[in-house]
Amino acid sequence: MGEFSKYLSRERVTILEVKNKRQAIDGTLELLRESPSLMDFSRVTAAVWQREEVVPTGLGLGIGAPHVRIPSVRFPIAAMSVLRRGVDYGSLDATPVRLILMVAMPPDSEAEWLRYLARASAVFRDDAMRHKLFAAVTPDALWDLIKEH
C-alpha cells in the first residue's frame, strides 16, 4: 500500500451520481459513517460543513478536498468519491469538481495532515493519473488505481 492510499480502503472509495456539491460531500461523508476511527459522525459532518462555509476546499484541477482535524476522530481516515459529472464547488480555478478526497484526523496531527496532503497533491497533479481516476467506472477500478500510490 502506498502513502496516498494508507488512510483509504476499498470500502471507502466509490463512484457517485450527484447533482451538486452538497450531495457530493454528503455522499463521501457516508463512506465514513461506520468507521471506528470516528467517535461522533455527526460532529465530523458538522465540522466538514463549517469548514466548507468558511473556505471552500476546491483545490482546482477538478479536485475537492474537504478535511477536518477534530477531537471526534481517533485515527486518521480518508474517503474518496469520483463524481460521474462535475459539480460547481467554488474552486479557485472555477473548474467543476470531479473527485472528492475527504480526510478526517485528530487535532494533534497537523504534520501528518501536511504530509498526506503533499502526497495527494502529487497524485492529483499527475495529469494521466488524475484523468484515470476521473474515468473510473466502478469502485473496484478506482481502488485498483489508488492502492499502490
N, C-alpha and C. Protein backbone atom coordinates (compact mmCIF):
# COMPACT_ATOMS: atom_id res chain seq x y z
N MET A 1 0.85 -1.18 0.00
CA MET A 1 0.00 0.00 0.00
C MET A 1 0.89 1.24 0.00
N GLY A 2 0.49 2.23 -0.76
CA GLY A 2 1.27 3.45 -0.87
C GLY A 2 0.90 4.48 0.17
N GLU A 3 1.66 5.55 0.20
CA GLU A 3 1.44 6.64 1.16
C GLU A 3 0.08 7.32 0.95
N PHE A 4 -0.32 7.49 -0.31
CA PHE A 4 -1.60 8.14 -0.61
C PHE A 4 -2.79 7.29 -0.16
N SER A 5 -2.71 6.00 -0.35
CA SER A 5 -3.84 5.12 -0.04
C SER A 5 -3.89 4.65 1.41
N LYS A 6 -2.93 5.04 2.23
CA LYS A 6 -2.84 4.47 3.57
C LYS A 6 -4.04 4.76 4.47
N TYR A 7 -4.78 5.83 4.26
CA TYR A 7 -5.95 6.11 5.07
C TYR A 7 -7.25 5.74 4.36
N LEU A 8 -7.12 5.24 3.14
CA LEU A 8 -8.28 4.80 2.37
C LEU A 8 -8.42 3.29 2.46
N SER A 9 -9.55 2.78 2.04
CA SER A 9 -9.75 1.34 1.89
C SER A 9 -10.75 1.14 0.77
N ARG A 10 -10.86 -0.07 0.30
CA ARG A 10 -11.82 -0.35 -0.78
C ARG A 10 -13.23 0.08 -0.39
N GLU A 11 -13.60 -0.08 0.87
CA GLU A 11 -14.95 0.26 1.34
C GLU A 11 -15.18 1.77 1.38
N ARG A 12 -14.11 2.55 1.32
CA ARG A 12 -14.25 4.00 1.41
C ARG A 12 -13.89 4.72 0.11
N VAL A 13 -14.05 4.02 -1.01
CA VAL A 13 -13.94 4.65 -2.33
C VAL A 13 -15.19 4.28 -3.12
N THR A 14 -15.71 5.25 -3.87
CA THR A 14 -16.94 4.99 -4.61
C THR A 14 -17.06 5.91 -5.82
N ILE A 15 -18.04 5.62 -6.62
CA ILE A 15 -18.44 6.45 -7.75
C ILE A 15 -19.82 7.00 -7.41
N LEU A 16 -20.00 8.31 -7.53
CA LEU A 16 -21.28 8.92 -7.17
C LEU A 16 -21.94 9.60 -8.37
N GLU A 17 -23.24 9.47 -8.41
CA GLU A 17 -24.08 10.21 -9.36
C GLU A 17 -24.76 11.29 -8.54
N VAL A 18 -24.28 12.52 -8.64
CA VAL A 18 -24.80 13.62 -7.83
C VAL A 18 -25.07 14.83 -8.71
N LYS A 19 -25.85 15.76 -8.15
CA LYS A 19 -26.22 16.96 -8.89
C LYS A 19 -25.55 18.22 -8.37
N ASN A 20 -25.02 18.16 -7.13
CA ASN A 20 -24.45 19.38 -6.56
C ASN A 20 -23.41 19.05 -5.50
N LYS A 21 -22.77 20.11 -5.02
CA LYS A 21 -21.71 19.97 -4.03
C LYS A 21 -22.21 19.32 -2.75
N ARG A 22 -23.38 19.71 -2.28
CA ARG A 22 -23.91 19.14 -1.04
C ARG A 22 -24.03 17.62 -1.15
N GLN A 23 -24.61 17.14 -2.24
CA GLN A 23 -24.75 15.70 -2.44
C GLN A 23 -23.39 15.02 -2.55
N ALA A 24 -22.43 15.68 -3.19
CA ALA A 24 -21.10 15.11 -3.36
C ALA A 24 -20.39 14.95 -2.01
N ILE A 25 -20.43 15.99 -1.20
CA ILE A 25 -19.77 15.91 0.11
C ILE A 25 -20.51 14.97 1.03
N ASP A 26 -21.83 15.07 1.09
CA ASP A 26 -22.60 14.17 1.96
C ASP A 26 -22.43 12.71 1.54
N GLY A 27 -22.39 12.45 0.24
CA GLY A 27 -22.19 11.08 -0.24
C GLY A 27 -20.83 10.53 0.16
N THR A 28 -19.82 11.38 0.14
CA THR A 28 -18.48 10.97 0.54
C THR A 28 -18.41 10.79 2.05
N LEU A 29 -19.05 11.68 2.79
CA LEU A 29 -19.11 11.52 4.25
C LEU A 29 -19.72 10.19 4.65
N GLU A 30 -20.74 9.75 3.94
CA GLU A 30 -21.40 8.48 4.26
C GLU A 30 -20.43 7.31 4.28
N LEU A 31 -19.39 7.39 3.49
CA LEU A 31 -18.39 6.32 3.46
C LEU A 31 -17.66 6.19 4.79
N LEU A 32 -17.70 7.25 5.60
CA LEU A 32 -17.01 7.25 6.90
C LEU A 32 -17.92 6.88 8.06
N ARG A 33 -19.21 6.85 7.84
CA ARG A 33 -20.21 6.73 8.92
C ARG A 33 -19.91 5.61 9.92
N GLU A 34 -19.60 4.44 9.46
CA GLU A 34 -19.44 3.28 10.35
C GLU A 34 -18.01 3.04 10.82
N SER A 35 -17.11 3.94 10.51
CA SER A 35 -15.71 3.73 10.86
C SER A 35 -15.46 3.85 12.36
N PRO A 36 -14.72 2.90 12.92
CA PRO A 36 -14.32 3.01 14.33
C PRO A 36 -13.34 4.16 14.57
N SER A 37 -12.81 4.75 13.50
CA SER A 37 -11.92 5.90 13.66
C SER A 37 -12.67 7.14 14.15
N LEU A 38 -13.99 7.15 13.94
CA LEU A 38 -14.79 8.31 14.32
C LEU A 38 -15.59 8.00 15.58
N MET A 39 -15.49 8.89 16.55
CA MET A 39 -16.26 8.73 17.78
C MET A 39 -17.65 9.32 17.64
N ASP A 40 -17.79 10.35 16.79
CA ASP A 40 -19.07 11.02 16.64
C ASP A 40 -19.21 11.51 15.19
N PHE A 41 -19.90 10.71 14.38
CA PHE A 41 -20.07 11.03 12.96
C PHE A 41 -20.76 12.38 12.76
N SER A 42 -21.74 12.70 13.58
CA SER A 42 -22.46 13.96 13.40
C SER A 42 -21.55 15.16 13.64
N ARG A 43 -20.62 15.06 14.56
CA ARG A 43 -19.67 16.16 14.79
C ARG A 43 -18.70 16.30 13.63
N VAL A 44 -18.29 15.18 13.08
CA VAL A 44 -17.40 15.24 11.92
C VAL A 44 -18.14 15.90 10.75
N THR A 45 -19.38 15.49 10.53
CA THR A 45 -20.19 16.07 9.46
C THR A 45 -20.34 17.58 9.65
N ALA A 46 -20.69 17.99 10.86
CA ALA A 46 -20.86 19.41 11.15
C ALA A 46 -19.55 20.17 10.92
N ALA A 47 -18.43 19.60 11.34
CA ALA A 47 -17.14 20.26 11.18
C ALA A 47 -16.76 20.40 9.71
N VAL A 48 -17.05 19.38 8.91
CA VAL A 48 -16.76 19.46 7.48
C VAL A 48 -17.54 20.61 6.86
N TRP A 49 -18.83 20.72 7.18
CA TRP A 49 -19.66 21.78 6.59
C TRP A 49 -19.29 23.16 7.14
N GLN A 50 -18.91 23.24 8.41
CA GLN A 50 -18.46 24.53 8.95
C GLN A 50 -17.20 24.99 8.23
N ARG A 51 -16.29 24.07 8.03
CA ARG A 51 -15.04 24.38 7.32
C ARG A 51 -15.34 24.83 5.90
N GLU A 52 -16.25 24.14 5.25
CA GLU A 52 -16.61 24.44 3.86
C GLU A 52 -17.26 25.82 3.73
N GLU A 53 -18.01 26.24 4.74
CA GLU A 53 -18.65 27.56 4.71
C GLU A 53 -17.62 28.68 4.85
N VAL A 54 -16.55 28.42 5.60
CA VAL A 54 -15.52 29.43 5.81
C VAL A 54 -14.68 29.60 4.54
N VAL A 55 -14.15 28.49 4.05
CA VAL A 55 -13.34 28.50 2.84
C VAL A 55 -13.62 27.22 2.06
N PRO A 56 -14.19 27.33 0.85
CA PRO A 56 -14.41 26.12 0.05
C PRO A 56 -13.10 25.37 -0.18
N THR A 57 -13.18 24.05 -0.19
CA THR A 57 -11.98 23.22 -0.27
C THR A 57 -11.69 22.72 -1.68
N GLY A 58 -12.15 23.44 -2.69
CA GLY A 58 -11.82 23.10 -4.06
C GLY A 58 -10.37 23.47 -4.34
N LEU A 59 -9.57 22.47 -4.67
CA LEU A 59 -8.14 22.68 -4.90
C LEU A 59 -7.82 23.11 -6.31
N GLY A 60 -8.77 22.97 -7.22
CA GLY A 60 -8.51 23.18 -8.63
C GLY A 60 -8.30 21.84 -9.30
N LEU A 61 -8.20 21.86 -10.61
CA LEU A 61 -7.99 20.65 -11.42
C LEU A 61 -9.11 19.62 -11.25
N GLY A 62 -10.28 20.05 -10.77
CA GLY A 62 -11.39 19.13 -10.60
C GLY A 62 -11.39 18.36 -9.30
N ILE A 63 -10.59 18.83 -8.33
CA ILE A 63 -10.44 18.12 -7.05
C ILE A 63 -11.03 18.94 -5.90
N GLY A 64 -11.84 18.29 -5.06
CA GLY A 64 -12.31 18.88 -3.81
C GLY A 64 -11.71 18.08 -2.66
N ALA A 65 -11.26 18.77 -1.63
CA ALA A 65 -10.59 18.09 -0.52
C ALA A 65 -11.11 18.57 0.83
N PRO A 66 -12.38 18.27 1.15
CA PRO A 66 -12.87 18.64 2.48
C PRO A 66 -12.07 17.89 3.56
N HIS A 67 -11.74 18.60 4.61
CA HIS A 67 -10.91 17.99 5.64
C HIS A 67 -11.17 18.64 7.00
N VAL A 68 -10.98 17.84 8.03
CA VAL A 68 -11.11 18.34 9.40
C VAL A 68 -10.07 17.68 10.29
N ARG A 69 -9.71 18.39 11.33
CA ARG A 69 -8.90 17.84 12.42
C ARG A 69 -9.65 18.20 13.70
N ILE A 70 -10.33 17.21 14.28
CA ILE A 70 -11.15 17.47 15.47
C ILE A 70 -11.05 16.31 16.45
N PRO A 71 -11.41 16.55 17.72
CA PRO A 71 -11.31 15.51 18.75
C PRO A 71 -12.22 14.30 18.51
N SER A 72 -13.23 14.41 17.67
CA SER A 72 -14.13 13.28 17.39
C SER A 72 -13.49 12.22 16.50
N VAL A 73 -12.24 12.45 16.10
CA VAL A 73 -11.53 11.50 15.24
C VAL A 73 -10.42 10.84 16.06
N ARG A 74 -10.46 9.52 16.17
CA ARG A 74 -9.44 8.77 16.92
C ARG A 74 -8.16 8.59 16.11
N PHE A 75 -8.32 8.17 14.85
CA PHE A 75 -7.21 7.85 13.97
C PHE A 75 -7.47 8.47 12.59
N PRO A 76 -6.43 8.87 11.87
CA PRO A 76 -6.63 9.44 10.55
C PRO A 76 -7.40 8.48 9.63
N ILE A 77 -8.28 9.06 8.83
CA ILE A 77 -9.10 8.27 7.91
C ILE A 77 -9.44 9.14 6.70
N ALA A 78 -9.62 8.48 5.56
CA ALA A 78 -9.98 9.20 4.34
C ALA A 78 -11.03 8.42 3.57
N ALA A 79 -11.75 9.14 2.72
CA ALA A 79 -12.71 8.55 1.80
C ALA A 79 -12.58 9.29 0.47
N MET A 80 -12.87 8.60 -0.62
CA MET A 80 -12.75 9.22 -1.94
C MET A 80 -13.95 8.85 -2.80
N SER A 81 -14.46 9.87 -3.50
CA SER A 81 -15.54 9.67 -4.45
C SER A 81 -15.17 10.30 -5.78
N VAL A 82 -15.43 9.58 -6.85
CA VAL A 82 -15.36 10.15 -8.18
C VAL A 82 -16.79 10.45 -8.59
N LEU A 83 -16.99 11.64 -9.10
CA LEU A 83 -18.32 12.09 -9.50
C LEU A 83 -18.49 11.86 -11.00
N ARG A 84 -19.57 11.19 -11.35
CA ARG A 84 -19.81 10.90 -12.78
C ARG A 84 -19.84 12.19 -13.60
N ARG A 85 -20.40 13.24 -13.03
CA ARG A 85 -20.42 14.56 -13.68
C ARG A 85 -19.87 15.57 -12.69
N GLY A 86 -19.12 16.52 -13.18
CA GLY A 86 -18.55 17.54 -12.32
C GLY A 86 -19.64 18.42 -11.71
N VAL A 87 -19.35 18.95 -10.53
CA VAL A 87 -20.29 19.85 -9.85
C VAL A 87 -19.59 21.17 -9.53
N ASP A 88 -20.38 22.24 -9.53
CA ASP A 88 -19.87 23.54 -9.12
C ASP A 88 -19.49 23.45 -7.65
N TYR A 89 -18.27 23.85 -7.33
CA TYR A 89 -17.73 23.64 -5.99
C TYR A 89 -17.17 24.91 -5.37
N GLY A 90 -17.09 25.97 -6.17
CA GLY A 90 -16.47 27.18 -5.66
C GLY A 90 -14.96 27.12 -5.66
N SER A 91 -14.40 26.31 -6.54
CA SER A 91 -12.94 26.18 -6.63
C SER A 91 -12.31 27.46 -7.17
N LEU A 92 -11.08 27.70 -6.79
CA LEU A 92 -10.37 28.90 -7.23
C LEU A 92 -10.26 28.98 -8.75
N ASP A 93 -10.12 27.83 -9.41
CA ASP A 93 -9.98 27.86 -10.87
C ASP A 93 -11.33 27.71 -11.59
N ALA A 94 -12.42 27.67 -10.83
CA ALA A 94 -13.79 27.57 -11.37
C ALA A 94 -14.05 26.28 -12.15
N THR A 95 -13.15 25.32 -12.06
CA THR A 95 -13.33 24.03 -12.71
C THR A 95 -14.30 23.18 -11.89
N PRO A 96 -15.30 22.56 -12.53
CA PRO A 96 -16.19 21.68 -11.78
C PRO A 96 -15.40 20.54 -11.11
N VAL A 97 -15.79 20.19 -9.92
CA VAL A 97 -15.11 19.12 -9.18
C VAL A 97 -15.62 17.77 -9.67
N ARG A 98 -14.66 16.87 -9.92
CA ARG A 98 -14.95 15.51 -10.37
C ARG A 98 -14.53 14.46 -9.35
N LEU A 99 -13.74 14.88 -8.35
CA LEU A 99 -13.24 13.93 -7.36
C LEU A 99 -13.20 14.61 -6.00
N ILE A 100 -13.68 13.89 -5.00
CA ILE A 100 -13.66 14.37 -3.62
C ILE A 100 -12.74 13.47 -2.81
N LEU A 101 -11.75 14.05 -2.18
CA LEU A 101 -10.92 13.34 -1.20
C LEU A 101 -11.23 13.96 0.15
N MET A 102 -11.87 13.20 1.01
CA MET A 102 -12.23 13.70 2.34
C MET A 102 -11.27 13.08 3.36
N VAL A 103 -10.73 13.93 4.23
CA VAL A 103 -9.78 13.46 5.23
C VAL A 103 -10.21 13.98 6.60
N ALA A 104 -10.22 13.07 7.57
CA ALA A 104 -10.52 13.43 8.97
C ALA A 104 -9.37 12.92 9.83
N MET A 105 -8.84 13.81 10.66
CA MET A 105 -7.71 13.46 11.52
C MET A 105 -7.91 14.03 12.91
N PRO A 106 -7.22 13.45 13.90
CA PRO A 106 -7.24 14.03 15.25
C PRO A 106 -6.59 15.41 15.25
N PRO A 107 -6.90 16.23 16.25
CA PRO A 107 -6.38 17.60 16.28
C PRO A 107 -4.86 17.72 16.31
N ASP A 108 -4.18 16.74 16.88
CA ASP A 108 -2.72 16.83 17.03
C ASP A 108 -1.95 16.28 15.83
N SER A 109 -2.59 16.21 14.68
CA SER A 109 -1.98 15.56 13.52
C SER A 109 -1.64 16.52 12.38
N GLU A 110 -1.28 17.74 12.71
CA GLU A 110 -1.01 18.72 11.66
C GLU A 110 0.12 18.28 10.73
N ALA A 111 1.22 17.80 11.28
CA ALA A 111 2.34 17.38 10.44
C ALA A 111 1.92 16.21 9.54
N GLU A 112 1.18 15.28 10.09
CA GLU A 112 0.70 14.14 9.31
C GLU A 112 -0.24 14.61 8.20
N TRP A 113 -1.14 15.56 8.51
CA TRP A 113 -2.05 16.10 7.51
C TRP A 113 -1.26 16.74 6.37
N LEU A 114 -0.23 17.53 6.69
CA LEU A 114 0.56 18.19 5.66
C LEU A 114 1.30 17.18 4.78
N ARG A 115 1.83 16.12 5.38
CA ARG A 115 2.49 15.06 4.59
C ARG A 115 1.48 14.38 3.66
N TYR A 116 0.30 14.08 4.20
CA TYR A 116 -0.72 13.40 3.41
C TYR A 116 -1.21 14.30 2.27
N LEU A 117 -1.44 15.55 2.56
CA LEU A 117 -1.88 16.49 1.53
C LEU A 117 -0.82 16.62 0.43
N ALA A 118 0.45 16.65 0.81
CA ALA A 118 1.52 16.74 -0.18
C ALA A 118 1.52 15.51 -1.09
N ARG A 119 1.33 14.33 -0.51
CA ARG A 119 1.29 13.10 -1.32
C ARG A 119 0.08 13.11 -2.25
N ALA A 120 -1.09 13.49 -1.71
CA ALA A 120 -2.31 13.54 -2.52
C ALA A 120 -2.14 14.55 -3.65
N SER A 121 -1.55 15.69 -3.36
CA SER A 121 -1.33 16.72 -4.38
C SER A 121 -0.45 16.20 -5.50
N ALA A 122 0.57 15.43 -5.15
CA ALA A 122 1.45 14.87 -6.18
C ALA A 122 0.67 13.92 -7.09
N VAL A 123 -0.19 13.10 -6.50
CA VAL A 123 -1.01 12.18 -7.30
C VAL A 123 -1.94 12.98 -8.21
N PHE A 124 -2.60 14.00 -7.67
CA PHE A 124 -3.57 14.76 -8.45
C PHE A 124 -2.94 15.65 -9.51
N ARG A 125 -1.71 16.09 -9.30
CA ARG A 125 -1.02 16.92 -10.31
C ARG A 125 -0.59 16.10 -11.52
N ASP A 126 -0.51 14.79 -11.36
CA ASP A 126 -0.16 13.91 -12.48
C ASP A 126 -1.38 13.82 -13.41
N ASP A 127 -1.30 14.51 -14.56
CA ASP A 127 -2.44 14.59 -15.46
C ASP A 127 -2.98 13.21 -15.84
N ALA A 128 -2.10 12.30 -16.18
CA ALA A 128 -2.55 10.96 -16.61
C ALA A 128 -3.28 10.25 -15.47
N MET A 129 -2.72 10.32 -14.27
CA MET A 129 -3.36 9.65 -13.13
C MET A 129 -4.70 10.29 -12.81
N ARG A 130 -4.73 11.62 -12.80
CA ARG A 130 -5.98 12.32 -12.49
C ARG A 130 -7.08 11.92 -13.48
N HIS A 131 -6.74 11.86 -14.74
CA HIS A 131 -7.75 11.51 -15.75
C HIS A 131 -8.16 10.03 -15.64
N LYS A 132 -7.25 9.17 -15.25
CA LYS A 132 -7.62 7.77 -14.99
C LYS A 132 -8.60 7.69 -13.82
N LEU A 133 -8.34 8.46 -12.77
CA LEU A 133 -9.25 8.47 -11.62
C LEU A 133 -10.63 8.96 -12.05
N PHE A 134 -10.69 10.06 -12.81
CA PHE A 134 -11.96 10.59 -13.29
C PHE A 134 -12.71 9.58 -14.14
N ALA A 135 -11.98 8.76 -14.88
CA ALA A 135 -12.60 7.82 -15.81
C ALA A 135 -13.01 6.50 -15.17
N ALA A 136 -12.65 6.27 -13.91
CA ALA A 136 -13.01 5.01 -13.25
C ALA A 136 -14.53 4.83 -13.26
N VAL A 137 -14.98 3.63 -13.59
CA VAL A 137 -16.42 3.40 -13.70
C VAL A 137 -16.98 2.53 -12.57
N THR A 138 -16.08 1.92 -11.80
CA THR A 138 -16.53 1.13 -10.65
C THR A 138 -15.64 1.44 -9.45
N PRO A 139 -16.17 1.24 -8.25
CA PRO A 139 -15.32 1.42 -7.06
C PRO A 139 -14.09 0.51 -7.07
N ASP A 140 -14.24 -0.72 -7.58
CA ASP A 140 -13.08 -1.62 -7.65
C ASP A 140 -12.00 -1.06 -8.57
N ALA A 141 -12.42 -0.52 -9.71
CA ALA A 141 -11.45 0.08 -10.64
C ALA A 141 -10.77 1.29 -9.99
N LEU A 142 -11.53 2.08 -9.26
CA LEU A 142 -10.96 3.23 -8.56
C LEU A 142 -9.94 2.77 -7.53
N TRP A 143 -10.29 1.79 -6.74
CA TRP A 143 -9.37 1.26 -5.72
C TRP A 143 -8.11 0.70 -6.36
N ASP A 144 -8.26 -0.02 -7.48
CA ASP A 144 -7.08 -0.57 -8.16
C ASP A 144 -6.12 0.54 -8.58
N LEU A 145 -6.64 1.68 -8.98
CA LEU A 145 -5.79 2.81 -9.39
C LEU A 145 -5.03 3.43 -8.21
N ILE A 146 -5.68 3.51 -7.06
CA ILE A 146 -5.05 4.26 -5.98
C ILE A 146 -4.31 3.43 -4.95
N LYS A 147 -4.55 2.15 -4.89
CA LYS A 147 -3.98 1.37 -3.77
C LYS A 147 -2.46 1.30 -3.75
N GLU A 148 -1.83 1.54 -4.86
CA GLU A 148 -0.36 1.48 -4.90
C GLU A 148 0.30 2.84 -4.76
N HIS A 149 -0.50 3.89 -4.63
CA HIS A 149 0.07 5.26 -4.59
C HIS A 149 0.16 5.78 -3.19
